[in-house]
Amino acid sequence: MLTNAVNEILHITVHAFETDDLDATKLVEPLEERIDELIGEMKRRHVERLQRGECTVEQGFVFNDLLTNFERISDHCSNIALATIELHDSSVQAHDYTRALHMGDDKDFCAAYESFAQQYALHE
């Protein structure tokens, strides 16, 4: 499921960049947020498996490396989307823009995030 989310953020980002689709760029940040949360949850579950003896530390190194790389990919996608937005509106400052989105005041961001949260939910 994380792989699907990362594939989707890559697809959205490339499409938005190639076509200057500002609506698509606005989907990247909520999906990036969801990917970060998925990774955090997967790391937490891994620690629990380690504590129960269901996994080895060696396996954990590989797993953690994969999660770190997935997180980097989604961060790069976010940076590309933000740069695309800034190119179209010079008044937008990336850090201020993302901070405002994460405050929960943008209804489009919240709706997109909720959609991604449902689509990419971890199950026990």
N, C-alpha and C. Protein backbone atom coordinates (compact mmCIF):
# COMPACT_ATOMS: atom_id res chain seq x y z
N MET A 1 0.81 -1.17 0.00
CA MET A 1 0.00 0.00 0.00
C MET A 1 0.86 1.26 0.00
N LEU A 2 1.94 1.30 0.76
CA LEU A 2 2.84 2.44 0.74
C LEU A 2 3.44 2.62 -0.65
N THR A 3 3.77 1.52 -1.28
CA THR A 3 4.31 1.59 -2.64
C THR A 3 3.29 2.23 -3.58
N ASN A 4 2.03 1.89 -3.43
CA ASN A 4 0.98 2.49 -4.26
C ASN A 4 0.87 3.99 -4.03
N ALA A 5 0.97 4.40 -2.77
CA ALA A 5 0.90 5.83 -2.45
C ALA A 5 2.09 6.58 -3.05
N VAL A 6 3.28 5.99 -2.97
CA VAL A 6 4.47 6.62 -3.53
C VAL A 6 4.37 6.68 -5.05
N ASN A 7 3.87 5.61 -5.66
CA ASN A 7 3.66 5.64 -7.11
C ASN A 7 2.67 6.73 -7.50
N GLU A 8 1.62 6.89 -6.72
CA GLU A 8 0.63 7.92 -7.04
C GLU A 8 1.22 9.32 -6.90
N ILE A 9 1.99 9.56 -5.84
CA ILE A 9 2.56 10.90 -5.68
C ILE A 9 3.55 11.20 -6.81
N LEU A 10 4.28 10.19 -7.24
CA LEU A 10 5.18 10.38 -8.38
C LEU A 10 4.40 10.72 -9.65
N HIS A 11 3.33 9.97 -9.90
CA HIS A 11 2.51 10.21 -11.09
C HIS A 11 1.91 11.61 -11.06
N ILE A 12 1.34 12.01 -9.94
CA ILE A 12 0.73 13.33 -9.82
C ILE A 12 1.78 14.42 -10.03
N THR A 13 2.94 14.25 -9.42
CA THR A 13 4.00 15.27 -9.51
C THR A 13 4.51 15.42 -10.93
N VAL A 14 4.79 14.32 -11.59
CA VAL A 14 5.28 14.39 -12.97
C VAL A 14 4.23 15.01 -13.88
N HIS A 15 2.98 14.58 -13.72
CA HIS A 15 1.90 15.16 -14.52
C HIS A 15 1.80 16.66 -14.29
N ALA A 16 1.79 17.08 -13.03
CA ALA A 16 1.65 18.50 -12.69
C ALA A 16 2.81 19.31 -13.25
N PHE A 17 4.01 18.77 -13.16
CA PHE A 17 5.20 19.47 -13.64
C PHE A 17 5.18 19.59 -15.16
N GLU A 18 4.87 18.49 -15.83
CA GLU A 18 4.89 18.49 -17.30
C GLU A 18 3.79 19.35 -17.91
N THR A 19 2.65 19.43 -17.24
CA THR A 19 1.50 20.13 -17.83
C THR A 19 1.18 21.45 -17.14
N ASP A 20 1.95 21.83 -16.13
CA ASP A 20 1.66 23.03 -15.34
C ASP A 20 0.25 23.00 -14.76
N ASP A 21 -0.18 21.83 -14.33
CA ASP A 21 -1.51 21.65 -13.76
C ASP A 21 -1.47 22.02 -12.27
N LEU A 22 -1.90 23.24 -11.97
CA LEU A 22 -1.84 23.70 -10.58
C LEU A 22 -2.81 22.95 -9.68
N ASP A 23 -3.93 22.48 -10.22
CA ASP A 23 -4.84 21.68 -9.41
C ASP A 23 -4.16 20.39 -8.96
N ALA A 24 -3.40 19.78 -9.85
CA ALA A 24 -2.68 18.56 -9.50
C ALA A 24 -1.59 18.84 -8.46
N THR A 25 -0.90 19.98 -8.59
CA THR A 25 0.17 20.29 -7.62
C THR A 25 -0.41 20.36 -6.21
N LYS A 26 -1.66 20.77 -6.10
CA LYS A 26 -2.27 20.92 -4.78
C LYS A 26 -2.67 19.58 -4.16
N LEU A 27 -2.56 18.50 -4.92
CA LEU A 27 -2.81 17.17 -4.37
C LEU A 27 -1.56 16.54 -3.78
N VAL A 28 -0.41 17.08 -4.14
CA VAL A 28 0.85 16.47 -3.71
C VAL A 28 1.05 16.59 -2.20
N GLU A 29 0.84 17.77 -1.65
CA GLU A 29 1.12 17.97 -0.23
C GLU A 29 0.24 17.13 0.69
N PRO A 30 -1.07 17.01 0.44
CA PRO A 30 -1.85 16.12 1.32
C PRO A 30 -1.43 14.66 1.20
N LEU A 31 -1.04 14.23 0.01
CA LEU A 31 -0.59 12.85 -0.14
C LEU A 31 0.78 12.67 0.53
N GLU A 32 1.63 13.67 0.44
CA GLU A 32 2.93 13.59 1.12
C GLU A 32 2.74 13.47 2.62
N GLU A 33 1.79 14.23 3.14
CA GLU A 33 1.47 14.15 4.58
C GLU A 33 1.00 12.74 4.95
N ARG A 34 0.14 12.16 4.13
CA ARG A 34 -0.36 10.81 4.40
C ARG A 34 0.77 9.79 4.35
N ILE A 35 1.67 9.94 3.38
CA ILE A 35 2.81 9.03 3.27
C ILE A 35 3.67 9.13 4.52
N ASP A 36 3.93 10.34 5.01
CA ASP A 36 4.71 10.51 6.24
C ASP A 36 4.05 9.78 7.41
N GLU A 37 2.73 9.90 7.50
CA GLU A 37 2.02 9.23 8.60
C GLU A 37 2.07 7.71 8.46
N LEU A 38 1.93 7.22 7.24
CA LEU A 38 2.04 5.78 7.01
C LEU A 38 3.41 5.27 7.43
N ILE A 39 4.43 6.00 7.07
CA ILE A 39 5.80 5.59 7.41
C ILE A 39 5.99 5.58 8.92
N GLY A 40 5.48 6.60 9.59
CA GLY A 40 5.58 6.64 11.05
C GLY A 40 4.88 5.45 11.69
N GLU A 41 3.70 5.13 11.19
CA GLU A 41 2.95 3.98 11.72
C GLU A 41 3.67 2.67 11.42
N MET A 42 4.23 2.54 10.24
CA MET A 42 4.94 1.31 9.89
C MET A 42 6.19 1.14 10.75
N LYS A 43 6.87 2.22 11.06
CA LYS A 43 8.04 2.15 11.96
C LYS A 43 7.62 1.74 13.36
N ARG A 44 6.51 2.31 13.84
CA ARG A 44 6.02 1.97 15.17
C ARG A 44 5.66 0.48 15.25
N ARG A 45 4.98 -0.02 14.22
CA ARG A 45 4.60 -1.43 14.20
C ARG A 45 5.84 -2.33 14.13
N HIS A 46 6.86 -1.87 13.43
CA HIS A 46 8.09 -2.66 13.35
C HIS A 46 8.74 -2.79 14.73
N VAL A 47 8.77 -1.69 15.48
CA VAL A 47 9.33 -1.73 16.83
C VAL A 47 8.56 -2.73 17.69
N GLU A 48 7.25 -2.74 17.54
CA GLU A 48 6.44 -3.70 18.29
C GLU A 48 6.79 -5.14 17.90
N ARG A 49 7.01 -5.38 16.60
CA ARG A 49 7.40 -6.73 16.15
C ARG A 49 8.76 -7.11 16.73
N LEU A 50 9.66 -6.14 16.77
CA LEU A 50 10.98 -6.41 17.37
C LEU A 50 10.83 -6.78 18.84
N GLN A 51 10.01 -6.05 19.56
CA GLN A 51 9.81 -6.31 20.98
C GLN A 51 9.19 -7.68 21.24
N ARG A 52 8.37 -8.14 20.30
CA ARG A 52 7.74 -9.46 20.44
C ARG A 52 8.64 -10.57 19.89
N GLY A 53 9.76 -10.21 19.33
CA GLY A 53 10.68 -11.20 18.77
C GLY A 53 10.23 -11.76 17.43
N GLU A 54 9.34 -11.07 16.74
CA GLU A 54 8.83 -11.53 15.46
C GLU A 54 9.68 -11.05 14.28
N CYS A 55 10.66 -10.26 14.56
CA CYS A 55 11.50 -9.69 13.50
C CYS A 55 12.90 -9.52 14.05
N THR A 56 13.87 -9.48 13.16
CA THR A 56 15.26 -9.31 13.60
C THR A 56 15.71 -7.88 13.33
N VAL A 57 16.75 -7.49 14.03
CA VAL A 57 17.33 -6.16 13.83
C VAL A 57 17.85 -6.03 12.40
N GLU A 58 18.44 -7.09 11.88
CA GLU A 58 18.98 -7.05 10.52
C GLU A 58 17.88 -6.78 9.50
N GLN A 59 16.74 -7.44 9.65
CA GLN A 59 15.61 -7.18 8.76
C GLN A 59 15.13 -5.74 8.92
N GLY A 60 15.21 -5.25 10.13
CA GLY A 60 14.78 -3.89 10.41
C GLY A 60 15.62 -2.85 9.70
N PHE A 61 16.92 -3.11 9.52
CA PHE A 61 17.77 -2.16 8.80
C PHE A 61 17.30 -1.98 7.37
N VAL A 62 17.00 -3.09 6.71
CA VAL A 62 16.54 -3.03 5.32
C VAL A 62 15.18 -2.34 5.26
N PHE A 63 14.28 -2.71 6.15
CA PHE A 63 12.95 -2.12 6.20
C PHE A 63 13.04 -0.61 6.42
N ASN A 64 13.85 -0.20 7.38
CA ASN A 64 14.00 1.22 7.69
C ASN A 64 14.60 1.98 6.51
N ASP A 65 15.58 1.37 5.81
CA ASP A 65 16.15 2.01 4.62
C ASP A 65 15.10 2.23 3.55
N LEU A 66 14.25 1.24 3.33
CA LEU A 66 13.17 1.38 2.35
C LEU A 66 12.22 2.52 2.74
N LEU A 67 11.83 2.55 4.00
CA LEU A 67 10.92 3.59 4.45
C LEU A 67 11.55 4.98 4.32
N THR A 68 12.81 5.09 4.64
CA THR A 68 13.52 6.37 4.52
C THR A 68 13.56 6.82 3.07
N ASN A 69 13.81 5.90 2.16
CA ASN A 69 13.84 6.27 0.75
C ASN A 69 12.46 6.65 0.22
N PHE A 70 11.42 5.95 0.65
CA PHE A 70 10.07 6.33 0.26
C PHE A 70 9.75 7.74 0.77
N GLU A 71 10.16 8.04 1.99
CA GLU A 71 9.92 9.36 2.55
C GLU A 71 10.67 10.43 1.76
N ARG A 72 11.89 10.14 1.37
CA ARG A 72 12.66 11.10 0.56
C ARG A 72 11.99 11.35 -0.79
N ILE A 73 11.49 10.30 -1.41
CA ILE A 73 10.81 10.46 -2.70
C ILE A 73 9.61 11.39 -2.53
N SER A 74 8.80 11.16 -1.50
CA SER A 74 7.62 12.00 -1.32
C SER A 74 8.02 13.44 -0.97
N ASP A 75 9.10 13.61 -0.23
CA ASP A 75 9.59 14.97 0.07
C ASP A 75 10.04 15.68 -1.20
N HIS A 76 10.73 14.97 -2.07
CA HIS A 76 11.15 15.57 -3.34
C HIS A 76 9.94 15.96 -4.19
N CYS A 77 8.93 15.11 -4.20
CA CYS A 77 7.71 15.43 -4.95
C CYS A 77 7.07 16.70 -4.39
N SER A 78 7.04 16.82 -3.08
CA SER A 78 6.50 18.01 -2.45
C SER A 78 7.29 19.24 -2.87
N ASN A 79 8.60 19.14 -2.88
CA ASN A 79 9.44 20.27 -3.28
C ASN A 79 9.19 20.67 -4.73
N ILE A 80 9.02 19.70 -5.60
CA ILE A 80 8.75 19.98 -7.01
C ILE A 80 7.39 20.68 -7.15
N ALA A 81 6.39 20.17 -6.46
CA ALA A 81 5.05 20.78 -6.53
C ALA A 81 5.08 22.20 -5.99
N LEU A 82 5.76 22.41 -4.88
CA LEU A 82 5.83 23.76 -4.31
C LEU A 82 6.57 24.71 -5.24
N ALA A 83 7.65 24.25 -5.87
CA ALA A 83 8.39 25.09 -6.82
C ALA A 83 7.51 25.44 -8.01
N THR A 84 6.69 24.50 -8.46
CA THR A 84 5.78 24.76 -9.58
C THR A 84 4.75 25.82 -9.18
N ILE A 85 4.23 25.72 -7.98
CA ILE A 85 3.27 26.73 -7.49
C ILE A 85 3.94 28.09 -7.40
N GLU A 86 5.16 28.14 -6.86
CA GLU A 86 5.88 29.40 -6.73
C GLU A 86 6.16 30.04 -8.09
N LEU A 87 6.42 29.21 -9.10
CA LEU A 87 6.67 29.75 -10.44
C LEU A 87 5.45 30.48 -10.99
N HIS A 88 4.27 30.01 -10.63
CA HIS A 88 3.04 30.61 -11.13
C HIS A 88 2.54 31.75 -10.26
N ASP A 89 2.99 31.79 -9.02
CA ASP A 89 2.55 32.86 -8.12
C ASP A 89 3.73 33.25 -7.24
N SER A 90 4.40 34.32 -7.61
CA SER A 90 5.62 34.72 -6.90
C SER A 90 5.35 35.17 -5.47
N SER A 91 4.09 35.42 -5.13
CA SER A 91 3.77 35.81 -3.76
C SER A 91 3.75 34.61 -2.81
N VAL A 92 3.72 33.42 -3.36
CA VAL A 92 3.68 32.21 -2.53
C VAL A 92 5.09 31.88 -2.06
N GLN A 93 5.24 31.72 -0.75
CA GLN A 93 6.49 31.28 -0.15
C GLN A 93 6.27 29.86 0.36
N ALA A 94 7.10 28.94 -0.09
CA ALA A 94 6.88 27.52 0.16
C ALA A 94 6.66 27.20 1.63
N HIS A 95 7.51 27.70 2.51
CA HIS A 95 7.39 27.33 3.93
C HIS A 95 6.11 27.90 4.54
N ASP A 96 5.79 29.14 4.19
CA ASP A 96 4.55 29.72 4.70
C ASP A 96 3.33 28.99 4.15
N TYR A 97 3.40 28.62 2.88
CA TYR A 97 2.31 27.91 2.23
C TYR A 97 2.06 26.56 2.90
N THR A 98 3.10 25.78 3.09
CA THR A 98 2.91 24.45 3.71
C THR A 98 2.49 24.58 5.17
N ARG A 99 3.03 25.56 5.87
CA ARG A 99 2.64 25.76 7.26
C ARG A 99 1.13 26.06 7.34
N ALA A 100 0.65 26.91 6.45
CA ALA A 100 -0.78 27.25 6.43
C ALA A 100 -1.63 26.02 6.11
N LEU A 101 -1.17 25.20 5.17
CA LEU A 101 -1.92 23.98 4.83
C LEU A 101 -2.04 23.05 6.03
N HIS A 102 -0.95 22.90 6.75
CA HIS A 102 -0.93 21.96 7.87
C HIS A 102 -1.67 22.47 9.10
N MET A 103 -2.05 23.74 9.08
CA MET A 103 -2.83 24.29 10.18
C MET A 103 -4.29 23.82 10.11
N GLY A 104 -4.67 23.29 8.95
CA GLY A 104 -6.02 22.73 8.81
C GLY A 104 -7.07 23.70 8.35
N ASP A 105 -6.65 24.89 7.91
CA ASP A 105 -7.63 25.90 7.49
C ASP A 105 -8.02 25.79 6.02
N ASP A 106 -7.28 25.03 5.23
CA ASP A 106 -7.56 24.93 3.80
C ASP A 106 -8.48 23.73 3.56
N LYS A 107 -9.72 24.00 3.19
CA LYS A 107 -10.71 22.92 3.05
C LYS A 107 -10.35 21.96 1.93
N ASP A 108 -9.74 22.45 0.85
CA ASP A 108 -9.34 21.56 -0.25
C ASP A 108 -8.23 20.60 0.19
N PHE A 109 -7.26 21.13 0.95
CA PHE A 109 -6.19 20.29 1.48
C PHE A 109 -6.78 19.22 2.40
N CYS A 110 -7.68 19.63 3.29
CA CYS A 110 -8.29 18.70 4.25
C CYS A 110 -9.09 17.62 3.53
N ALA A 111 -9.84 18.01 2.52
CA ALA A 111 -10.64 17.03 1.77
C ALA A 111 -9.74 16.04 1.03
N ALA A 112 -8.68 16.55 0.40
CA ALA A 112 -7.76 15.66 -0.31
C ALA A 112 -7.06 14.74 0.67
N TYR A 113 -6.65 15.28 1.81
CA TYR A 113 -5.98 14.45 2.81
C TYR A 113 -6.91 13.33 3.29
N GLU A 114 -8.15 13.67 3.60
CA GLU A 114 -9.10 12.65 4.07
C GLU A 114 -9.31 11.56 3.02
N SER A 115 -9.38 11.96 1.77
CA SER A 115 -9.53 10.99 0.69
C SER A 115 -8.33 10.05 0.64
N PHE A 116 -7.13 10.62 0.74
CA PHE A 116 -5.91 9.78 0.72
C PHE A 116 -5.82 8.92 1.98
N ALA A 117 -6.28 9.44 3.11
CA ALA A 117 -6.25 8.67 4.35
C ALA A 117 -7.13 7.44 4.25
N GLN A 118 -8.27 7.58 3.60
CA GLN A 118 -9.15 6.43 3.40
C GLN A 118 -8.58 5.47 2.39
N GLN A 119 -8.02 6.03 1.32
CA GLN A 119 -7.48 5.17 0.26
C GLN A 119 -6.25 4.40 0.73
N TYR A 120 -5.45 5.04 1.56
CA TYR A 120 -4.20 4.42 2.02
C TYR A 120 -4.22 4.24 3.53
N ALA A 121 -5.13 3.41 3.99
CA ALA A 121 -5.25 3.12 5.42
C ALA A 121 -4.57 1.78 5.71
N LEU A 122 -3.80 1.75 6.80
CA LEU A 122 -3.19 0.50 7.22
C LEU A 122 -4.21 -0.33 7.99
N HIS A 123 -4.17 -1.60 7.76
CA HIS A 123 -5.08 -2.50 8.48
C HIS A 123 -4.25 -3.43 9.34
N GLU A 124 -4.84 -3.85 10.42
CA GLU A 124 -4.14 -4.76 11.35
C GLU A 124 -3.96 -6.11 10.72
